């Protein structure tokens, strides 16, 4: 999608030329609808809306960088299992 500045459509034009506004949103990106010169709404392609409305999933790098070091080591240590060593054979 070609990223260009958002076009502003007065609400009257948006209603009268909705099909054109939709085509512009699909080809050039989000379109702003204004009322009395004030930005009121944005028309965005569905793909972009779905991307924007998905909750952010932190990457492994973000998780590691944002985890307090003490907490990370405490978690590792808490999962350690005791080591079972074989009993030594008694030599006579």
C-alpha atoms as a PDB file:
ATOM      1  CA  UNK A   1       0.000   0.000   0.000  1.00  0.00           C
ATOM      2  CA  UNK A   2       1.297   3.455  -0.914  1.00  0.00           C
ATOM      3  CA  UNK A   3       1.822   5.470   2.275  1.00  0.00           C
ATOM      4  CA  UNK A   4       0.906   9.104   1.673  1.00  0.00           C
ATOM      5  CA  UNK A   5      -0.560  11.780   3.941  1.00  0.00           C
ATOM      6  CA  UNK A   6      -4.172  11.095   4.884  1.00  0.00           C
ATOM      7  CA  UNK A   7      -6.728  12.914   2.759  1.00  0.00           C
ATOM      8  CA  UNK A   8      -9.367  14.839   4.690  1.00  0.00           C
ATOM      9  CA  UNK A   9     -12.977  14.530   3.538  1.00  0.00           C
ATOM     10  CA  UNK A  10     -15.709  16.834   4.857  1.00  0.00           C
ATOM     11  CA  UNK A  11     -18.624  14.673   5.989  1.00  0.00           C
ATOM     12  CA  UNK A  12     -20.814  15.928   3.107  1.00  0.00           C
ATOM     13  CA  UNK A  13     -18.184  14.845   0.534  1.00  0.00           C
ATOM     14  CA  UNK A  14     -17.602  11.563   2.360  1.00  0.00           C
ATOM     15  CA  UNK A  15     -21.313  10.752   2.094  1.00  0.00           C
ATOM     16  CA  UNK A  16     -21.627  11.862  -1.534  1.00  0.00           C
ATOM     17  CA  UNK A  17     -18.396  10.177  -2.680  1.00  0.00           C
ATOM     18  CA  UNK A  18     -18.161   7.210  -0.335  1.00  0.00           C
ATOM     19  CA  UNK A  19     -17.177   4.782  -3.101  1.00  0.00           C
ATOM     20  CA  UNK A  20     -14.325   7.098  -4.162  1.00  0.00           C
ATOM     21  CA  UNK A  21     -13.252   7.541  -0.534  1.00  0.00           C
ATOM     22  CA  UNK A  22     -13.224   3.752  -0.067  1.00  0.00           C
ATOM     23  CA  UNK A  23     -11.128   3.223  -3.211  1.00  0.00           C
ATOM     24  CA  UNK A  24      -8.704   5.907  -2.008  1.00  0.00           C
ATOM     25  CA  UNK A  25      -8.438   4.248   1.410  1.00  0.00           C
ATOM     26  CA  UNK A  26      -7.652   0.913  -0.238  1.00  0.00           C
ATOM     27  CA  UNK A  27      -5.038   2.358  -2.582  1.00  0.00           C
ATOM     28  CA  UNK A  28      -3.477   5.190  -0.568  1.00  0.00           C
ATOM     29  CA  UNK A  29      -4.198   4.392   3.065  1.00  0.00           C
ATOM     30  CA  UNK A  30      -6.404   5.822   5.825  1.00  0.00           C
ATOM     31  CA  UNK A  31      -8.812   8.668   5.018  1.00  0.00           C
ATOM     32  CA  UNK A  32     -10.010  11.212   7.586  1.00  0.00           C
ATOM     33  CA  UNK A  33     -13.630  12.384   7.789  1.00  0.00           C
ATOM     34  CA  UNK A  34     -14.068  15.888   9.189  1.00  0.00           C
ATOM     35  CA  UNK A  35     -17.073  17.771  10.561  1.00  0.00           C
ATOM     36  CA  UNK A  36     -16.807  21.562  10.625  1.00  0.00           C
ATOM     37  CA  UNK A  37     -13.053  21.229  10.079  1.00  0.00           C
ATOM     38  CA  UNK A  38     -12.530  18.898  13.059  1.00  0.00           C
ATOM     39  CA  UNK A  39     -11.180  15.361  12.499  1.00  0.00           C
ATOM     40  CA  UNK A  40     -13.970  12.969  13.533  1.00  0.00           C
ATOM     41  CA  UNK A  41     -13.276   9.511  12.071  1.00  0.00           C
ATOM     42  CA  UNK A  42     -10.868   7.514   9.932  1.00  0.00           C
ATOM     43  CA  UNK A  43     -11.633   5.005   7.195  1.00  0.00           C
ATOM     44  CA  UNK A  44      -8.912   2.339   7.072  1.00  0.00           C
ATOM     45  CA  UNK A  45      -8.555  -0.841   5.003  1.00  0.00           C
ATOM     46  CA  UNK A  46      -9.659  -4.000   6.849  1.00  0.00           C
ATOM     47  CA  UNK A  47      -6.144  -5.494   6.824  1.00  0.00           C
ATOM     48  CA  UNK A  48      -4.752  -2.452   8.594  1.00  0.00           C
ATOM     49  CA  UNK A  49      -7.635  -2.383  11.088  1.00  0.00           C
ATOM     50  CA  UNK A  50      -7.028  -6.039  11.986  1.00  0.00           C
ATOM     51  CA  UNK A  51      -3.325  -5.353  12.442  1.00  0.00           C
ATOM     52  CA  UNK A  52      -4.017  -2.330  14.649  1.00  0.00           C
ATOM     53  CA  UNK A  53      -6.657  -4.054  16.774  1.00  0.00           C
ATOM     54  CA  UNK A  54      -4.542  -7.159  17.519  1.00  0.00           C
ATOM     55  CA  UNK A  55      -3.089  -7.140  21.020  1.00  0.00           C
ATOM     56  CA  UNK A  56       0.662  -6.597  20.995  1.00  0.00           C
ATOM     57  CA  UNK A  57       2.602  -9.821  21.508  1.00  0.00           C
ATOM     58  CA  UNK A  58       6.069  -9.037  22.871  1.00  0.00           C
ATOM     59  CA  UNK A  59       8.974 -10.706  21.089  1.00  0.00           C
ATOM     60  CA  UNK A  60      11.360 -12.994  22.940  1.00  0.00           C
ATOM     61  CA  UNK A  61      13.919 -10.188  22.877  1.00  0.00           C
ATOM     62  CA  UNK A  62      11.429  -7.748  24.481  1.00  0.00           C
ATOM     63  CA  UNK A  63      10.543 -10.309  27.162  1.00  0.00           C
ATOM     64  CA  UNK A  64      14.181 -10.962  28.011  1.00  0.00           C
ATOM     65  CA  UNK A  65      15.113  -7.287  28.059  1.00  0.00           C
ATOM     66  CA  UNK A  66      12.121  -6.312  30.210  1.00  0.00           C
ATOM     67  CA  UNK A  67      12.328  -9.140  32.754  1.00  0.00           C
ATOM     68  CA  UNK A  68      14.122  -8.149  35.965  1.00  0.00           C
ATOM     69  CA  UNK A  69      17.334 -10.167  36.189  1.00  0.00           C
ATOM     70  CA  UNK A  70      16.607 -11.380  39.728  1.00  0.00           C
ATOM     71  CA  UNK A  71      13.200 -12.694  38.661  1.00  0.00           C
ATOM     72  CA  UNK A  72      14.669 -14.594  35.703  1.00  0.00           C
ATOM     73  CA  UNK A  73      17.307 -16.307  37.854  1.00  0.00           C
ATOM     74  CA  UNK A  74      14.821 -17.044  40.640  1.00  0.00           C
ATOM     75  CA  UNK A  75      12.545 -18.725  38.103  1.00  0.00           C
ATOM     76  CA  UNK A  76      15.438 -20.822  36.758  1.00  0.00           C
ATOM     77  CA  UNK A  77      16.558 -21.843  40.250  1.00  0.00           C
ATOM     78  CA  UNK A  78      13.028 -22.721  41.352  1.00  0.00           C
ATOM     79  CA  UNK A  79      12.714 -25.242  38.513  1.00  0.00           C
ATOM     80  CA  UNK A  80      15.934 -27.083  39.329  1.00  0.00           C
ATOM     81  CA  UNK A  81      15.541 -30.648  40.456  1.00  0.00           C
ATOM     82  CA  UNK A  82      17.874 -32.274  42.950  1.00  0.00           C
ATOM     83  CA  UNK A  83      20.485 -34.502  41.381  1.00  0.00           C
ATOM     84  CA  UNK A  84      20.284 -38.151  42.398  1.00  0.00           C
ATOM     85  CA  UNK A  85      23.763 -39.638  42.570  1.00  0.00           C
ATOM     86  CA  UNK A  86      24.227 -43.378  42.549  1.00  0.00           C
ATOM     87  CA  UNK A  87      25.158 -44.851  45.874  1.00  0.00           C
ATOM     88  CA  UNK A  88      28.826 -45.731  46.031  1.00  0.00           C
ATOM     89  CA  UNK A  89      29.573 -49.423  46.221  1.00  0.00           C
ATOM     90  CA  UNK A  90      31.238 -50.378  49.486  1.00  0.00           C
ATOM     91  CA  UNK A  91      34.542 -52.090  48.882  1.00  0.00           C
ATOM     92  CA  UNK A  92      35.583 -54.768  51.357  1.00  0.00           C
END
